[in-house]
Amino acid sequence: MSPKSCLGCTKCFLFLLNLFFFFLGVLLLAFSFWVLFDRQSFAAVLGSPLLSLRHCSYGFSGVGMATMLLGFLGCLGALKEVKTMLGMYFGLLLLLLAAQITMAIIVYTQRATLAAKVATYAEELIRGYPAQGPPGDPHESWDAVQQQLGCCGWKGPQDWEQHDEATRDGDRDRAIACSCLRAPNGTHGSPWVLPHGRCPTAAPQDTFPTGCKERVQSWLAGNLVTIVGACVGIGLGELSLLMLSMFLLRNLDSRYEKLLRGL
C-alpha cells in the first residue's frame, strides 16, 4: 500500500470513529437532561447521596459536551488535515483517558465506602418518610425505585416497621409505604398511580418481599458483562483514536494544511 493510500485510510478511520464519539456525546447530553428532569429514575435517587442531583446532571452535561468537542476536533482535523487541531485533539483525548482510568480505580478501590453511603442514605429516606402529606423529591423518587425494581425497603419490608419518633403508637398499622404494594389485578392494562405516604400493612402476598439492596445487586450482576464490555470498548476506542491521530500527525506535511490556506 502506498503512503498516500495509508494516510487516506487513516483519515477515513479517524473521521468515522470521531463521528461515533460525537453522537456518543449527544447521547450523554440527553442522558444528563433525563437525570435532571426524570425524578422517577432509580439511577437519580441512588446517585443523590454522593452528589446532588443537579450537580450530577451538570457533570453528565460536561462530559457530553467534552465528548462532542473531541469528536468535532477529530473529524475536522482529519478531514482538513490541520496539525494544530489534531495536536489539540490528541492532548485532550489523552487527558480524558487518564481521567477515566483514575476514576475507575477510585470507584473500584472505594466500592465498599460508596455502597455504605448509598445504604445509609436509603435508610435515612425510609426513616424520614412522611406518614401523611405530599412527599419531598427524594421520597417521591424512592417510591418510583420500589415500584420499578419491585422491592420494599432497603433490606426488606421490615425496614418500614422501624418508625421514627414522629410515628404514634396508634398509627402502628401504617407501617409500610404504599409503593411497597403490588398493583391490584384489576389495574393491569391501565395506569395505576399509588398514593404516597404509608398504608395499612397488607398481606405478605400483596407486598414486595425483596429489599431494594438485593434487587440492585441482582441488576448489577446481571448487567456486569455489558457494563464492563462497554467501558473496555470505549477505552479501546479512545486508544485507537490516540494511535491514529499520532500517526496522522507524524506523517502529515505542512503543505497538507489546507484549512489554513483555503479558509
Protein backbone atom coordinates (compact mmCIF):
# COMPACT_ATOMS: atom_id res chain seq x y z
CA MET A 1 0.00 0.00 0.00
CA SER A 2 1.36 3.41 -0.95
CA PRO A 3 1.94 6.07 1.75
CA LYS A 4 -0.81 8.19 0.21
CA SER A 5 -3.33 5.34 0.44
CA CYS A 6 -2.25 4.59 4.01
CA LEU A 7 -2.82 8.21 5.03
CA GLY A 8 -6.20 8.17 3.29
CA CYS A 9 -7.30 5.07 5.23
CA THR A 10 -6.10 6.61 8.49
CA LYS A 11 -8.06 9.79 7.80
CA CYS A 12 -11.17 7.76 6.98
CA PHE A 13 -11.00 5.65 10.16
CA LEU A 14 -10.24 8.67 12.32
CA PHE A 15 -13.15 10.58 10.85
CA LEU A 16 -15.64 7.70 11.31
CA LEU A 17 -14.55 6.95 14.88
CA ASN A 18 -14.80 10.59 15.87
CA LEU A 19 -18.20 10.83 14.24
CA PHE A 20 -19.27 7.96 16.50
CA PHE A 21 -17.89 9.75 19.57
CA PHE A 22 -19.65 12.94 18.55
CA PHE A 23 -23.00 11.16 18.59
CA LEU A 24 -21.99 9.47 21.86
CA GLY A 25 -21.58 12.94 23.33
CA VAL A 26 -25.07 13.82 22.13
CA LEU A 27 -26.42 10.75 23.93
CA LEU A 28 -24.59 11.68 27.14
CA LEU A 29 -26.00 15.19 26.95
CA ALA A 30 -29.50 13.78 26.51
CA PHE A 31 -28.91 11.43 29.46
CA SER A 32 -27.93 14.39 31.64
CA PHE A 33 -31.29 16.04 30.93
CA TRP A 34 -33.03 12.73 31.69
CA VAL A 35 -31.28 12.53 35.08
CA LEU A 36 -32.25 16.13 35.86
CA PHE A 37 -35.89 16.07 34.85
CA ASP A 38 -36.94 12.43 35.35
CA ARG A 39 -37.45 12.18 39.09
CA GLN A 40 -38.89 8.71 38.63
CA SER A 41 -35.45 7.33 37.77
CA PHE A 42 -33.84 4.93 40.23
CA ALA A 43 -30.44 5.97 38.90
CA ALA A 44 -31.15 9.51 40.10
CA VAL A 45 -32.03 8.56 43.65
CA LEU A 46 -29.13 6.12 44.00
CA GLY A 47 -26.72 8.84 42.86
CA SER A 48 -28.08 11.56 45.12
CA PRO A 49 -26.21 10.59 48.32
CA LEU A 50 -22.89 11.21 46.60
CA LEU A 51 -23.70 14.43 44.79
CA SER A 52 -26.81 16.49 44.46
CA LEU A 53 -28.97 15.54 41.53
CA ARG A 54 -28.39 18.89 39.86
CA HIS A 55 -24.63 18.63 40.14
CA CYS A 56 -24.78 15.07 38.83
CA SER A 57 -26.68 16.20 35.74
CA TYR A 58 -24.23 19.06 35.24
CA GLY A 59 -21.40 16.53 35.35
CA PHE A 60 -23.02 14.40 32.65
CA SER A 61 -23.64 17.54 30.61
CA GLY A 62 -19.97 18.48 30.86
CA VAL A 63 -18.84 15.00 29.82
CA GLY A 64 -21.28 15.03 26.91
CA MET A 65 -20.16 18.43 25.67
CA ALA A 66 -16.48 17.48 26.05
CA THR A 67 -17.07 14.30 24.05
CA MET A 68 -18.87 16.29 21.35
CA LEU A 69 -15.98 18.78 21.25
CA LEU A 70 -13.44 15.98 20.91
CA GLY A 71 -15.45 14.37 18.14
CA PHE A 72 -15.72 17.70 16.33
CA LEU A 73 -11.98 18.41 16.61
CA GLY A 74 -11.12 14.91 15.44
CA CYS A 75 -13.50 14.98 12.49
CA LEU A 76 -12.46 18.40 11.29
CA GLY A 77 -8.76 17.83 11.97
CA ALA A 78 -8.76 14.57 9.99
CA LEU A 79 -10.90 15.94 7.17
CA LYS A 80 -8.94 19.18 6.71
CA GLU A 81 -5.54 17.77 7.79
CA VAL A 82 -4.79 20.53 10.30
CA LYS A 83 -1.87 19.63 12.56
CA THR A 84 -2.74 22.19 15.22
CA MET A 85 -6.24 20.84 15.57
CA LEU A 86 -5.03 17.24 15.59
CA GLY A 87 -2.46 18.06 18.28
CA MET A 88 -5.11 19.68 20.45
CA TYR A 89 -7.35 16.67 19.88
CA PHE A 90 -4.56 14.26 20.89
CA GLY A 91 -3.81 16.15 24.10
CA LEU A 92 -7.44 16.42 25.20
CA LEU A 93 -8.11 12.77 24.43
CA LEU A 94 -5.05 11.69 26.40
CA LEU A 95 -6.24 13.71 29.42
CA LEU A 96 -9.71 12.22 29.12
CA LEU A 97 -8.38 8.66 29.01
CA ALA A 98 -6.16 9.28 32.04
CA ALA A 99 -9.10 10.77 33.98
CA GLN A 100 -11.31 7.78 33.14
CA ILE A 101 -8.67 5.30 34.30
CA THR A 102 -8.18 7.26 37.53
CA MET A 103 -11.93 7.37 38.17
CA ALA A 104 -12.29 3.64 37.54
CA ILE A 105 -9.50 2.89 40.04
CA ILE A 106 -11.09 5.16 42.66
CA VAL A 107 -14.54 3.59 42.23
CA TYR A 108 -13.11 0.07 42.41
CA THR A 109 -10.97 0.69 45.48
CA GLN A 110 -13.70 2.68 47.29
CA ARG A 111 -16.63 0.47 46.29
CA ALA A 112 -17.31 -0.61 49.89
CA THR A 113 -17.40 3.01 51.08
CA LEU A 114 -19.70 4.03 48.22
CA ALA A 115 -22.05 1.10 48.94
CA ALA A 116 -22.16 2.07 52.63
CA LYS A 117 -23.05 5.67 51.73
CA VAL A 118 -25.88 4.53 49.46
CA ALA A 119 -27.21 2.18 52.16
CA THR A 120 -27.08 4.93 54.81
CA TYR A 121 -28.89 7.35 52.55
CA ALA A 122 -31.62 4.81 51.72
CA GLU A 123 -32.18 4.05 55.40
CA GLU A 124 -32.41 7.76 56.21
CA LEU A 125 -35.00 8.17 53.46
CA ILE A 126 -37.10 5.36 54.93
CA ARG A 127 -36.86 6.73 58.50
CA GLY A 128 -37.82 10.22 57.36
CA TYR A 129 -40.63 9.15 55.05
CA PRO A 130 -43.75 11.23 55.89
CA ALA A 131 -46.81 9.37 57.09
CA GLN A 132 -49.12 11.99 55.58
CA GLY A 133 -48.91 14.94 53.28
CA PRO A 134 -47.03 15.36 50.00
CA PRO A 135 -43.58 13.76 49.95
CA GLY A 136 -40.42 15.57 49.01
CA ASP A 137 -38.48 14.88 45.84
CA PRO A 138 -36.21 12.22 47.42
CA HIS A 139 -39.18 10.31 48.87
CA GLU A 140 -41.10 10.54 45.62
CA SER A 141 -38.07 9.13 43.80
CA TRP A 142 -37.79 6.33 46.36
CA ASP A 143 -41.42 5.39 45.68
CA ALA A 144 -40.51 5.08 42.00
CA VAL A 145 -37.45 2.97 42.86
CA GLN A 146 -39.55 0.47 44.80
CA GLN A 147 -42.13 0.24 42.04
CA GLN A 148 -39.64 -0.05 39.17
CA LEU A 149 -37.47 -2.65 40.88
CA GLY A 150 -40.31 -4.47 42.61
CA CYS A 151 -38.75 -4.14 46.06
CA CYS A 152 -39.66 -2.89 49.52
CA GLY A 153 -37.27 -1.15 51.89
CA TRP A 154 -33.51 -1.36 51.59
CA LYS A 155 -33.01 -4.74 53.24
CA GLY A 156 -36.66 -5.80 53.18
CA PRO A 157 -40.21 -4.80 54.26
CA GLN A 158 -39.10 -4.90 57.89
CA ASP A 159 -37.29 -1.59 57.34
CA TRP A 160 -40.64 0.19 57.27
CA GLU A 161 -41.59 -1.20 60.67
CA GLN A 162 -38.88 0.89 62.31
CA HIS A 163 -40.77 4.13 62.85
CA ASP A 164 -39.22 7.40 63.79
CA GLU A 165 -40.26 9.37 66.86
CA ALA A 166 -42.98 11.17 64.94
CA THR A 167 -44.93 7.93 64.47
CA ARG A 168 -47.53 7.38 67.17
CA ASP A 169 -48.43 4.05 68.73
CA GLY A 170 -51.96 4.37 67.43
CA ASP A 171 -50.57 4.62 63.90
CA ARG A 172 -48.51 1.44 64.04
CA ASP A 173 -50.68 -0.20 61.42
CA ARG A 174 -49.47 2.36 58.87
CA ALA A 175 -46.05 0.75 58.89
CA ILE A 176 -45.35 0.35 55.19
CA ALA A 177 -45.05 2.63 52.19
CA CYS A 178 -47.84 2.43 49.67
CA SER A 179 -45.24 1.97 46.94
CA CYS A 180 -44.35 -1.40 48.51
CA LEU A 181 -47.71 -2.79 47.47
CA ARG A 182 -48.19 -4.73 44.28
CA ALA A 183 -50.59 -3.34 41.67
CA PRO A 184 -54.08 -4.82 42.04
CA ASN A 185 -55.07 -7.36 39.40
CA GLY A 186 -57.85 -5.10 38.19
CA THR A 187 -55.43 -2.35 37.24
CA HIS A 188 -53.34 -4.34 34.75
CA GLY A 189 -53.50 -2.77 31.32
CA SER A 190 -54.29 0.67 32.70
CA PRO A 191 -52.05 3.15 34.51
CA TRP A 192 -52.22 2.84 38.28
CA VAL A 193 -50.81 5.55 40.50
CA LEU A 194 -50.03 4.62 44.08
CA PRO A 195 -50.79 7.15 46.81
CA HIS A 196 -47.77 8.48 48.63
CA GLY A 197 -47.23 8.06 52.34
CA ARG A 198 -47.78 4.99 54.49
CA CYS A 199 -50.56 2.47 54.00
CA PRO A 200 -52.02 -0.15 56.36
CA THR A 201 -49.90 -3.27 56.47
CA ALA A 202 -51.09 -5.62 53.73
CA ALA A 203 -50.93 -9.38 53.39
CA PRO A 204 -47.47 -10.75 52.52
CA GLN A 205 -48.60 -11.80 49.04
CA ASP A 206 -49.60 -8.19 48.30
CA THR A 207 -46.21 -6.75 49.28
CA PHE A 208 -42.87 -6.94 47.50
CA PRO A 209 -40.88 -9.41 49.63
CA THR A 210 -37.38 -8.43 48.49
CA GLY A 211 -35.33 -5.45 49.59
CA CYS A 212 -34.01 -2.93 47.08
CA LYS A 213 -30.41 -3.74 48.04
CA GLU A 214 -30.81 -7.27 46.72
CA ARG A 215 -32.59 -6.02 43.58
CA VAL A 216 -29.84 -3.51 42.79
CA GLN A 217 -27.15 -6.15 43.33
CA SER A 218 -29.05 -8.57 41.08
CA TRP A 219 -29.36 -5.90 38.37
CA LEU A 220 -25.64 -5.09 38.56
CA ALA A 221 -24.71 -8.78 38.49
CA GLY A 222 -26.95 -9.42 35.50
CA ASN A 223 -25.55 -6.46 33.58
CA LEU A 224 -21.93 -6.65 34.74
CA VAL A 225 -20.68 -8.11 31.46
CA THR A 226 -22.48 -5.40 29.48
CA ILE A 227 -21.16 -2.60 31.72
CA VAL A 228 -17.56 -3.87 31.71
CA GLY A 229 -17.72 -4.56 27.98
CA ALA A 230 -18.94 -1.04 27.26
CA CYS A 231 -16.20 0.50 29.40
CA VAL A 232 -13.48 -1.65 27.81
CA GLY A 233 -14.85 -0.92 24.34
CA ILE A 234 -14.81 2.83 24.96
CA GLY A 235 -11.27 2.62 26.34
CA LEU A 236 -10.02 0.63 23.35
CA GLY A 237 -11.77 3.04 21.01
CA GLU A 238 -10.05 6.01 22.64
CA LEU A 239 -6.70 4.22 22.50
CA SER A 240 -7.23 3.58 18.79
CA LEU A 241 -8.04 7.23 18.25
CA LEU A 242 -4.84 8.24 20.04
CA MET A 243 -2.73 5.98 17.81
CA LEU A 244 -4.45 7.08 14.60
CA SER A 245 -4.16 10.78 15.43
CA MET A 246 -0.47 10.39 16.34
CA PHE A 247 0.21 8.51 13.11
CA LEU A 248 -1.53 11.24 11.13
CA LEU A 249 0.37 13.97 12.98
CA ARG A 250 3.74 12.39 12.33
CA ASN A 251 3.12 11.79 8.63
CA LEU A 252 1.33 14.97 7.58
CA ASP A 253 3.44 17.58 5.86
CA SER A 254 2.86 21.29 6.30
CA ARG A 255 1.73 21.57 2.69
CA TYR A 256 -1.35 19.49 3.58
CA GLU A 257 -2.70 22.10 5.95
CA LYS A 258 -5.44 23.09 3.57
CA LEU A 259 -7.62 24.83 6.11
CA LEU A 260 -5.04 27.48 6.89
CA ARG A 261 -4.62 28.31 3.23
CA GLY A 262 -8.09 27.74 1.86
CA LEU A 263 -10.31 29.22 4.57
